[in-house]
N, C-alpha and C. Protein backbone atom coordinates (compact mmCIF):
# COMPACT_ATOMS: atom_id res chain seq x y z
N MET A 1 0.83 -1.19 0.01
CA MET A 1 0.02 0.02 0.03
C MET A 1 0.85 1.25 0.05
N THR A 2 1.68 1.46 1.06
CA THR A 2 2.58 2.55 1.06
C THR A 2 3.75 2.33 2.08
N ASP A 3 4.84 3.06 1.85
CA ASP A 3 5.99 2.96 2.72
C ASP A 3 5.93 4.02 3.75
N LEU A 4 4.93 4.88 3.79
CA LEU A 4 4.83 5.94 4.77
C LEU A 4 4.26 5.39 5.96
N SER A 5 4.76 5.95 7.13
CA SER A 5 4.19 5.56 8.46
C SER A 5 2.96 6.46 8.74
N PHE A 6 2.25 6.04 9.74
CA PHE A 6 1.06 6.79 10.20
C PHE A 6 1.50 8.31 10.49
N LYS A 7 2.60 8.41 11.22
CA LYS A 7 3.02 9.76 11.63
C LYS A 7 3.43 10.55 10.40
N GLU A 8 4.09 10.02 9.44
CA GLU A 8 4.46 10.73 8.23
C GLU A 8 3.26 11.24 7.45
N ILE A 9 2.24 10.39 7.36
CA ILE A 9 1.05 10.81 6.65
C ILE A 9 0.32 11.91 7.50
N TYR A 10 0.24 11.69 8.77
CA TYR A 10 -0.53 12.62 9.61
C TYR A 10 0.13 14.02 9.54
N LEU A 11 1.45 14.13 9.48
CA LEU A 11 2.17 15.39 9.37
C LEU A 11 2.34 15.90 8.00
N GLY A 12 1.92 15.13 7.04
CA GLY A 12 2.08 15.51 5.70
C GLY A 12 1.03 16.50 5.14
N SER A 13 0.99 16.70 3.87
CA SER A 13 0.03 17.62 3.24
C SER A 13 -1.36 17.04 3.14
N PHE A 14 -2.34 17.87 3.38
CA PHE A 14 -3.76 17.42 3.27
C PHE A 14 -4.55 18.51 2.49
N ARG A 15 -5.60 18.05 1.81
CA ARG A 15 -6.48 19.08 1.10
C ARG A 15 -7.79 19.11 1.83
N GLY A 16 -8.31 20.32 1.92
CA GLY A 16 -9.55 20.48 2.53
C GLY A 16 -10.71 20.28 1.49
N MET A 17 -11.80 19.69 2.02
CA MET A 17 -12.99 19.54 1.16
C MET A 17 -14.06 20.44 1.64
N THR A 18 -14.26 21.47 0.78
CA THR A 18 -15.23 22.49 1.11
C THR A 18 -16.62 22.30 0.55
N LYS A 19 -16.75 21.36 -0.42
CA LYS A 19 -18.00 21.16 -1.10
C LYS A 19 -18.63 19.81 -0.58
N GLU A 20 -19.95 19.89 -0.33
CA GLU A 20 -20.63 18.69 0.13
C GLU A 20 -20.53 17.59 -0.97
N GLU A 21 -20.55 17.93 -2.21
CA GLU A 21 -20.42 16.97 -3.32
C GLU A 21 -19.10 16.16 -3.19
N SER A 22 -18.03 16.84 -2.84
CA SER A 22 -16.72 16.17 -2.67
C SER A 22 -16.78 15.24 -1.52
N TYR A 23 -17.40 15.61 -0.43
CA TYR A 23 -17.53 14.80 0.73
C TYR A 23 -18.29 13.48 0.45
N ILE A 24 -19.42 13.65 -0.32
CA ILE A 24 -20.25 12.56 -0.68
C ILE A 24 -19.47 11.59 -1.61
N GLN A 25 -18.71 12.20 -2.54
CA GLN A 25 -17.89 11.38 -3.45
C GLN A 25 -16.88 10.57 -2.65
N LEU A 26 -16.27 11.26 -1.72
CA LEU A 26 -15.22 10.56 -0.80
C LEU A 26 -15.96 9.37 -0.15
N THR A 27 -17.13 9.49 0.42
CA THR A 27 -17.73 8.37 1.07
C THR A 27 -18.03 7.22 0.13
N GLU A 28 -18.35 7.57 -1.08
CA GLU A 28 -18.71 6.52 -2.09
C GLU A 28 -17.52 5.78 -2.63
N ASN A 29 -16.33 6.37 -2.54
CA ASN A 29 -15.10 5.73 -3.17
C ASN A 29 -14.18 5.05 -2.13
N LEU A 30 -14.68 4.81 -0.94
CA LEU A 30 -13.79 4.23 0.09
C LEU A 30 -13.66 2.70 -0.08
N THR A 31 -12.39 2.16 0.11
CA THR A 31 -12.26 0.75 -0.08
C THR A 31 -11.33 0.29 1.03
N GLY A 32 -11.25 -0.98 1.22
CA GLY A 32 -10.30 -1.62 2.09
C GLY A 32 -10.65 -1.46 3.62
N THR A 33 -9.61 -1.71 4.41
CA THR A 33 -9.74 -1.66 5.83
C THR A 33 -9.17 -0.37 6.31
N TRP A 34 -9.90 0.30 7.34
CA TRP A 34 -9.48 1.57 7.87
C TRP A 34 -9.28 1.41 9.45
N TYR A 35 -8.59 2.34 9.98
CA TYR A 35 -8.37 2.40 11.44
C TYR A 35 -8.99 3.67 11.90
N SER A 36 -9.85 3.64 12.84
CA SER A 36 -10.59 4.80 13.38
C SER A 36 -10.00 5.18 14.82
N PHE A 37 -9.85 6.46 14.90
CA PHE A 37 -9.28 7.00 16.24
C PHE A 37 -9.97 8.34 16.49
N GLU A 38 -10.34 8.49 17.78
CA GLU A 38 -10.89 9.85 18.23
C GLU A 38 -9.94 10.44 19.17
N PRO A 39 -9.01 11.29 18.67
CA PRO A 39 -8.00 11.86 19.54
C PRO A 39 -8.51 12.73 20.74
N ASP A 40 -9.60 13.22 20.62
CA ASP A 40 -10.10 14.10 21.71
C ASP A 40 -11.16 13.45 22.59
N SER A 41 -11.31 12.15 22.45
CA SER A 41 -12.25 11.38 23.24
C SER A 41 -11.77 11.14 24.68
N ASP A 42 -12.66 10.93 25.63
CA ASP A 42 -12.27 10.61 26.99
C ASP A 42 -11.60 9.25 27.06
N LEU A 43 -12.07 8.31 26.26
CA LEU A 43 -11.49 6.94 26.21
C LEU A 43 -11.05 6.69 24.85
N PRO A 44 -9.96 7.21 24.36
CA PRO A 44 -9.58 6.95 22.93
C PRO A 44 -9.06 5.50 22.77
N HIS A 45 -9.41 4.99 21.66
CA HIS A 45 -8.84 3.70 21.23
C HIS A 45 -8.86 3.54 19.72
N VAL A 46 -8.03 2.73 19.25
CA VAL A 46 -7.95 2.48 17.75
C VAL A 46 -8.84 1.29 17.43
N THR A 47 -9.72 1.46 16.46
CA THR A 47 -10.60 0.44 16.07
C THR A 47 -10.48 0.15 14.54
N GLU A 48 -10.34 -1.16 14.14
CA GLU A 48 -10.31 -1.51 12.75
C GLU A 48 -11.70 -1.59 12.20
N ILE A 49 -11.97 -0.94 11.11
CA ILE A 49 -13.31 -0.97 10.48
C ILE A 49 -13.21 -1.09 8.97
N PRO A 50 -14.17 -1.77 8.40
CA PRO A 50 -14.26 -1.95 6.93
C PRO A 50 -14.73 -0.60 6.30
N ALA A 51 -14.43 -0.43 4.99
CA ALA A 51 -14.81 0.79 4.28
C ALA A 51 -16.31 1.02 4.38
N SER A 52 -17.15 0.02 4.35
CA SER A 52 -18.58 0.13 4.40
C SER A 52 -19.02 0.82 5.70
N GLU A 53 -18.40 0.38 6.80
CA GLU A 53 -18.71 0.94 8.07
C GLU A 53 -18.22 2.40 8.13
N LEU A 54 -17.07 2.69 7.62
CA LEU A 54 -16.52 4.05 7.54
C LEU A 54 -17.53 5.00 6.81
N LYS A 55 -17.97 4.49 5.63
CA LYS A 55 -18.90 5.28 4.90
C LYS A 55 -20.14 5.61 5.74
N ASP A 56 -20.71 4.68 6.45
CA ASP A 56 -21.83 4.92 7.27
C ASP A 56 -21.54 5.96 8.37
N THR A 57 -20.34 5.82 8.88
CA THR A 57 -19.88 6.76 9.99
C THR A 57 -19.77 8.16 9.36
N LEU A 58 -19.17 8.38 8.16
CA LEU A 58 -19.00 9.64 7.62
C LEU A 58 -20.42 10.25 7.24
N VAL A 59 -21.32 9.47 6.79
CA VAL A 59 -22.71 9.92 6.53
C VAL A 59 -23.35 10.40 7.79
N SER A 60 -23.16 9.58 8.85
CA SER A 60 -23.79 9.94 10.13
C SER A 60 -23.24 11.19 10.69
N LEU A 61 -21.94 11.44 10.56
CA LEU A 61 -21.35 12.64 11.09
C LEU A 61 -21.78 13.89 10.32
N ALA A 62 -21.97 13.71 9.01
CA ALA A 62 -22.50 14.83 8.23
C ALA A 62 -23.96 15.14 8.58
N ASN A 63 -24.72 14.12 8.92
CA ASN A 63 -26.06 14.32 9.42
C ASN A 63 -26.13 15.05 10.72
N ILE A 64 -25.19 14.74 11.63
CA ILE A 64 -25.01 15.45 12.90
C ILE A 64 -24.78 16.94 12.65
N ILE A 65 -23.88 17.24 11.78
CA ILE A 65 -23.53 18.62 11.44
C ILE A 65 -24.69 19.32 10.86
N LYS A 66 -25.38 18.73 9.91
CA LYS A 66 -26.61 19.33 9.32
C LYS A 66 -27.66 19.60 10.35
N ALA A 67 -27.83 18.66 11.24
CA ALA A 67 -28.90 18.94 12.28
C ALA A 67 -28.60 20.11 13.22
N ARG A 68 -27.34 20.41 13.39
CA ARG A 68 -26.99 21.57 14.14
C ARG A 68 -27.36 22.91 13.58
N LYS A 69 -27.52 22.90 12.18
CA LYS A 69 -27.90 24.11 11.47
C LYS A 69 -26.95 25.24 11.66
N ILE A 70 -25.69 24.92 11.50
CA ILE A 70 -24.62 25.98 11.56
C ILE A 70 -24.46 26.65 10.27
N SER A 71 -25.15 27.67 9.94
CA SER A 71 -25.21 28.47 8.80
C SER A 71 -25.27 27.50 7.53
N HIS A 72 -24.17 27.56 6.73
CA HIS A 72 -24.07 26.81 5.45
C HIS A 72 -23.25 25.51 5.64
N ILE A 73 -22.85 25.11 6.77
CA ILE A 73 -22.00 23.97 6.98
C ILE A 73 -22.79 22.67 6.88
N THR A 74 -22.44 21.78 5.95
CA THR A 74 -23.18 20.59 5.71
C THR A 74 -22.44 19.28 6.03
N HIS A 75 -21.15 19.45 6.40
CA HIS A 75 -20.41 18.23 6.75
C HIS A 75 -19.27 18.70 7.62
N PRO A 76 -18.58 17.78 8.33
CA PRO A 76 -17.48 18.08 9.19
C PRO A 76 -16.32 18.77 8.32
N TYR A 77 -15.54 19.63 8.97
CA TYR A 77 -14.36 20.12 8.31
C TYR A 77 -13.59 18.94 7.97
N THR A 78 -13.28 18.71 6.70
CA THR A 78 -12.68 17.45 6.23
C THR A 78 -11.39 17.72 5.48
N TYR A 79 -10.31 17.02 5.91
CA TYR A 79 -9.02 17.10 5.23
C TYR A 79 -8.59 15.71 4.85
N VAL A 80 -8.17 15.56 3.55
CA VAL A 80 -7.78 14.26 3.11
C VAL A 80 -6.35 14.28 2.57
N HIS A 81 -5.70 13.13 2.76
CA HIS A 81 -4.34 12.94 2.17
C HIS A 81 -4.64 12.29 0.76
N GLN A 82 -4.20 12.87 -0.22
CA GLN A 82 -4.42 12.38 -1.55
C GLN A 82 -5.87 12.18 -1.86
N PRO A 83 -6.65 13.24 -2.23
CA PRO A 83 -8.14 13.08 -2.37
C PRO A 83 -8.56 11.98 -3.28
N GLU A 84 -7.80 11.64 -4.32
CA GLU A 84 -8.24 10.61 -5.26
C GLU A 84 -8.09 9.19 -4.63
N ASP A 85 -7.22 9.01 -3.74
CA ASP A 85 -7.00 7.71 -3.04
C ASP A 85 -6.42 7.97 -1.59
N PRO A 86 -7.21 8.47 -0.69
CA PRO A 86 -6.65 8.94 0.61
C PRO A 86 -6.18 7.75 1.49
N LEU A 87 -5.02 8.03 2.15
CA LEU A 87 -4.55 7.08 3.13
C LEU A 87 -5.00 7.52 4.54
N MET A 88 -5.42 8.75 4.66
CA MET A 88 -5.89 9.28 5.89
C MET A 88 -6.94 10.41 5.70
N ILE A 89 -7.89 10.40 6.60
CA ILE A 89 -8.97 11.47 6.62
C ILE A 89 -9.02 12.05 8.01
N LYS A 90 -8.92 13.39 8.08
CA LYS A 90 -9.05 14.08 9.33
C LYS A 90 -10.34 14.88 9.31
N LEU A 91 -11.16 14.70 10.32
CA LEU A 91 -12.43 15.39 10.48
C LEU A 91 -12.39 16.31 11.74
N TYR A 92 -12.87 17.49 11.53
CA TYR A 92 -12.92 18.43 12.69
C TYR A 92 -14.28 18.87 12.88
N ASP A 93 -14.75 19.01 14.11
CA ASP A 93 -16.04 19.54 14.50
C ASP A 93 -16.01 20.99 14.25
N PRO A 94 -16.92 21.49 13.44
CA PRO A 94 -16.97 22.97 13.20
C PRO A 94 -17.20 23.83 14.44
N ARG A 95 -17.84 23.25 15.50
CA ARG A 95 -18.00 23.98 16.71
C ARG A 95 -16.68 24.10 17.51
N ARG A 96 -15.73 23.37 17.19
CA ARG A 96 -14.49 23.30 18.01
C ARG A 96 -13.28 23.70 17.11
N GLY A 97 -13.48 24.69 16.25
CA GLY A 97 -12.43 25.06 15.34
C GLY A 97 -11.34 25.94 15.88
N GLY A 98 -11.34 26.22 17.11
CA GLY A 98 -10.32 27.13 17.71
C GLY A 98 -10.61 28.54 17.42
N SER A 99 -9.63 29.33 17.69
CA SER A 99 -9.81 30.74 17.42
C SER A 99 -8.66 31.33 16.66
N SER A 100 -8.77 32.57 16.14
CA SER A 100 -7.79 33.15 15.37
C SER A 100 -6.56 33.43 16.13
N CYS A 101 -6.61 33.49 17.49
CA CYS A 101 -5.35 33.79 18.22
C CYS A 101 -4.80 32.48 18.79
N SER A 102 -5.27 31.28 18.40
CA SER A 102 -4.78 30.08 18.93
C SER A 102 -3.38 29.72 18.34
N ILE A 103 -2.56 29.35 19.21
CA ILE A 103 -1.21 28.98 18.80
C ILE A 103 -1.11 27.59 18.12
N GLN A 104 -1.96 26.75 18.57
CA GLN A 104 -2.00 25.34 18.07
C GLN A 104 -3.38 24.88 17.72
N SER A 105 -3.52 24.19 16.59
CA SER A 105 -4.78 23.77 16.19
C SER A 105 -5.27 22.65 17.06
N PRO A 106 -6.63 22.49 17.20
CA PRO A 106 -7.15 21.42 18.08
C PRO A 106 -6.88 20.10 17.35
N PRO A 107 -6.92 19.03 18.09
CA PRO A 107 -6.80 17.68 17.55
C PRO A 107 -8.08 17.38 16.72
N PRO A 108 -7.91 16.49 15.76
CA PRO A 108 -9.08 16.09 14.96
C PRO A 108 -10.19 15.55 15.88
N TRP A 109 -11.43 15.73 15.40
CA TRP A 109 -12.60 15.15 16.07
C TRP A 109 -12.61 13.61 15.87
N TYR A 110 -12.32 13.28 14.60
CA TYR A 110 -12.15 11.88 14.21
C TYR A 110 -11.01 11.81 13.21
N LEU A 111 -10.31 10.67 13.34
CA LEU A 111 -9.13 10.47 12.42
C LEU A 111 -9.29 8.97 11.87
N PHE A 112 -9.22 8.87 10.58
CA PHE A 112 -9.38 7.59 9.89
C PHE A 112 -8.15 7.40 9.00
N SER A 113 -7.53 6.21 9.07
CA SER A 113 -6.31 5.93 8.37
C SER A 113 -6.33 4.51 7.82
N ARG A 114 -5.72 4.33 6.65
CA ARG A 114 -5.52 3.01 6.06
C ARG A 114 -4.28 2.41 6.62
N VAL A 115 -3.38 3.21 7.20
CA VAL A 115 -2.13 2.76 7.82
C VAL A 115 -2.38 2.66 9.30
N PRO A 116 -2.18 1.47 9.94
CA PRO A 116 -2.37 1.40 11.38
C PRO A 116 -1.37 2.26 12.13
N PRO A 117 -1.84 2.91 13.21
CA PRO A 117 -0.83 3.68 13.96
C PRO A 117 -0.16 2.80 14.94
N ALA A 118 1.07 3.13 15.25
CA ALA A 118 1.83 2.50 16.31
C ALA A 118 1.53 3.21 17.59
N GLU A 119 1.59 2.57 18.68
CA GLU A 119 1.31 3.18 20.02
C GLU A 119 2.32 4.37 20.23
N ALA A 120 3.56 4.19 19.92
CA ALA A 120 4.53 5.30 20.12
C ALA A 120 4.20 6.55 19.22
N GLU A 121 3.73 6.27 18.03
CA GLU A 121 3.32 7.51 17.13
C GLU A 121 2.12 8.22 17.80
N LEU A 122 1.12 7.52 18.29
CA LEU A 122 0.05 8.23 18.84
C LEU A 122 0.46 8.93 20.12
N LYS A 123 1.33 8.37 20.86
CA LYS A 123 1.81 9.00 22.11
C LYS A 123 2.61 10.28 21.81
N GLU A 124 3.36 10.24 20.73
CA GLU A 124 4.12 11.44 20.27
C GLU A 124 3.27 12.50 19.65
N LEU A 125 2.29 12.10 18.82
CA LEU A 125 1.46 13.05 18.12
C LEU A 125 0.39 13.72 19.07
N PHE A 126 -0.03 12.94 19.99
CA PHE A 126 -1.05 13.43 20.94
C PHE A 126 -0.69 13.29 22.44
N PRO A 127 0.36 14.00 22.85
CA PRO A 127 0.90 13.87 24.19
C PRO A 127 -0.09 14.06 25.26
N HIS A 128 -1.22 14.82 25.06
CA HIS A 128 -2.24 15.07 26.05
C HIS A 128 -2.98 13.78 26.50
N LEU A 129 -2.94 12.76 25.58
CA LEU A 129 -3.60 11.49 25.86
C LEU A 129 -2.89 10.71 26.97
N ASP A 130 -1.58 10.88 27.00
CA ASP A 130 -0.79 10.13 27.97
C ASP A 130 -1.10 10.52 29.39
N LYS A 131 -1.78 11.62 29.60
CA LYS A 131 -2.08 12.10 30.93
C LYS A 131 -3.43 11.52 31.39
N LYS A 132 -4.18 10.82 30.53
CA LYS A 132 -5.38 10.29 30.97
C LYS A 132 -5.14 8.88 31.60
N PRO A 133 -5.85 8.65 32.74
CA PRO A 133 -5.62 7.37 33.33
C PRO A 133 -5.92 6.16 32.51
N GLY A 134 -5.10 5.21 32.46
CA GLY A 134 -5.32 4.04 31.72
C GLY A 134 -5.28 4.17 30.21
N PHE A 135 -4.79 5.25 29.71
CA PHE A 135 -4.77 5.54 28.31
C PHE A 135 -4.10 4.45 27.51
N LEU A 136 -2.83 4.12 27.87
CA LEU A 136 -2.06 3.17 27.07
C LEU A 136 -2.66 1.82 27.03
N ALA A 137 -3.26 1.42 28.15
CA ALA A 137 -3.85 0.09 28.27
C ALA A 137 -5.11 -0.04 27.39
N LYS A 138 -5.85 1.11 27.28
CA LYS A 138 -7.14 1.06 26.54
C LYS A 138 -7.00 1.47 25.00
N LEU A 139 -5.84 2.00 24.66
CA LEU A 139 -5.67 2.59 23.33
C LEU A 139 -6.00 1.61 22.19
N PHE A 140 -5.62 0.42 22.29
CA PHE A 140 -5.73 -0.51 21.13
C PHE A 140 -6.85 -1.58 21.49
N LYS A 141 -7.93 -1.18 22.10
CA LYS A 141 -9.04 -1.96 22.46
C LYS A 141 -9.68 -2.55 21.19
N LYS A 142 -9.97 -3.74 21.22
CA LYS A 142 -10.59 -4.45 20.10
C LYS A 142 -12.08 -4.45 20.12
């Protein structure tokens, strides 16, 4: 699939998807096995999911955003690695977008990757998670 590590992909270039049509097309073109991770969750863990389940999740998240009726926003703020064949998708909750004076961007609301993350990579990329009780033991819950 790729020689890139989870960390290399996460820190690499991403394209934002501003149109709902692009988001829908993304959901329809997903294939293979993905790894789901919620960096800002109280009990984060990595879950392996098939593309069909990821598609359902992405549609559900878009429906949550639409139900909030935040002006013109119809889907999560979405950033993809290689839009034509992404290895990673970062979703951000529009309500938690940070502020213009923020030094650091918030962690993604949801993170989906075709490359499985190593425990050390997640610990390095999301150091705040290491401070949560039992984080390392629960991280790779099946």
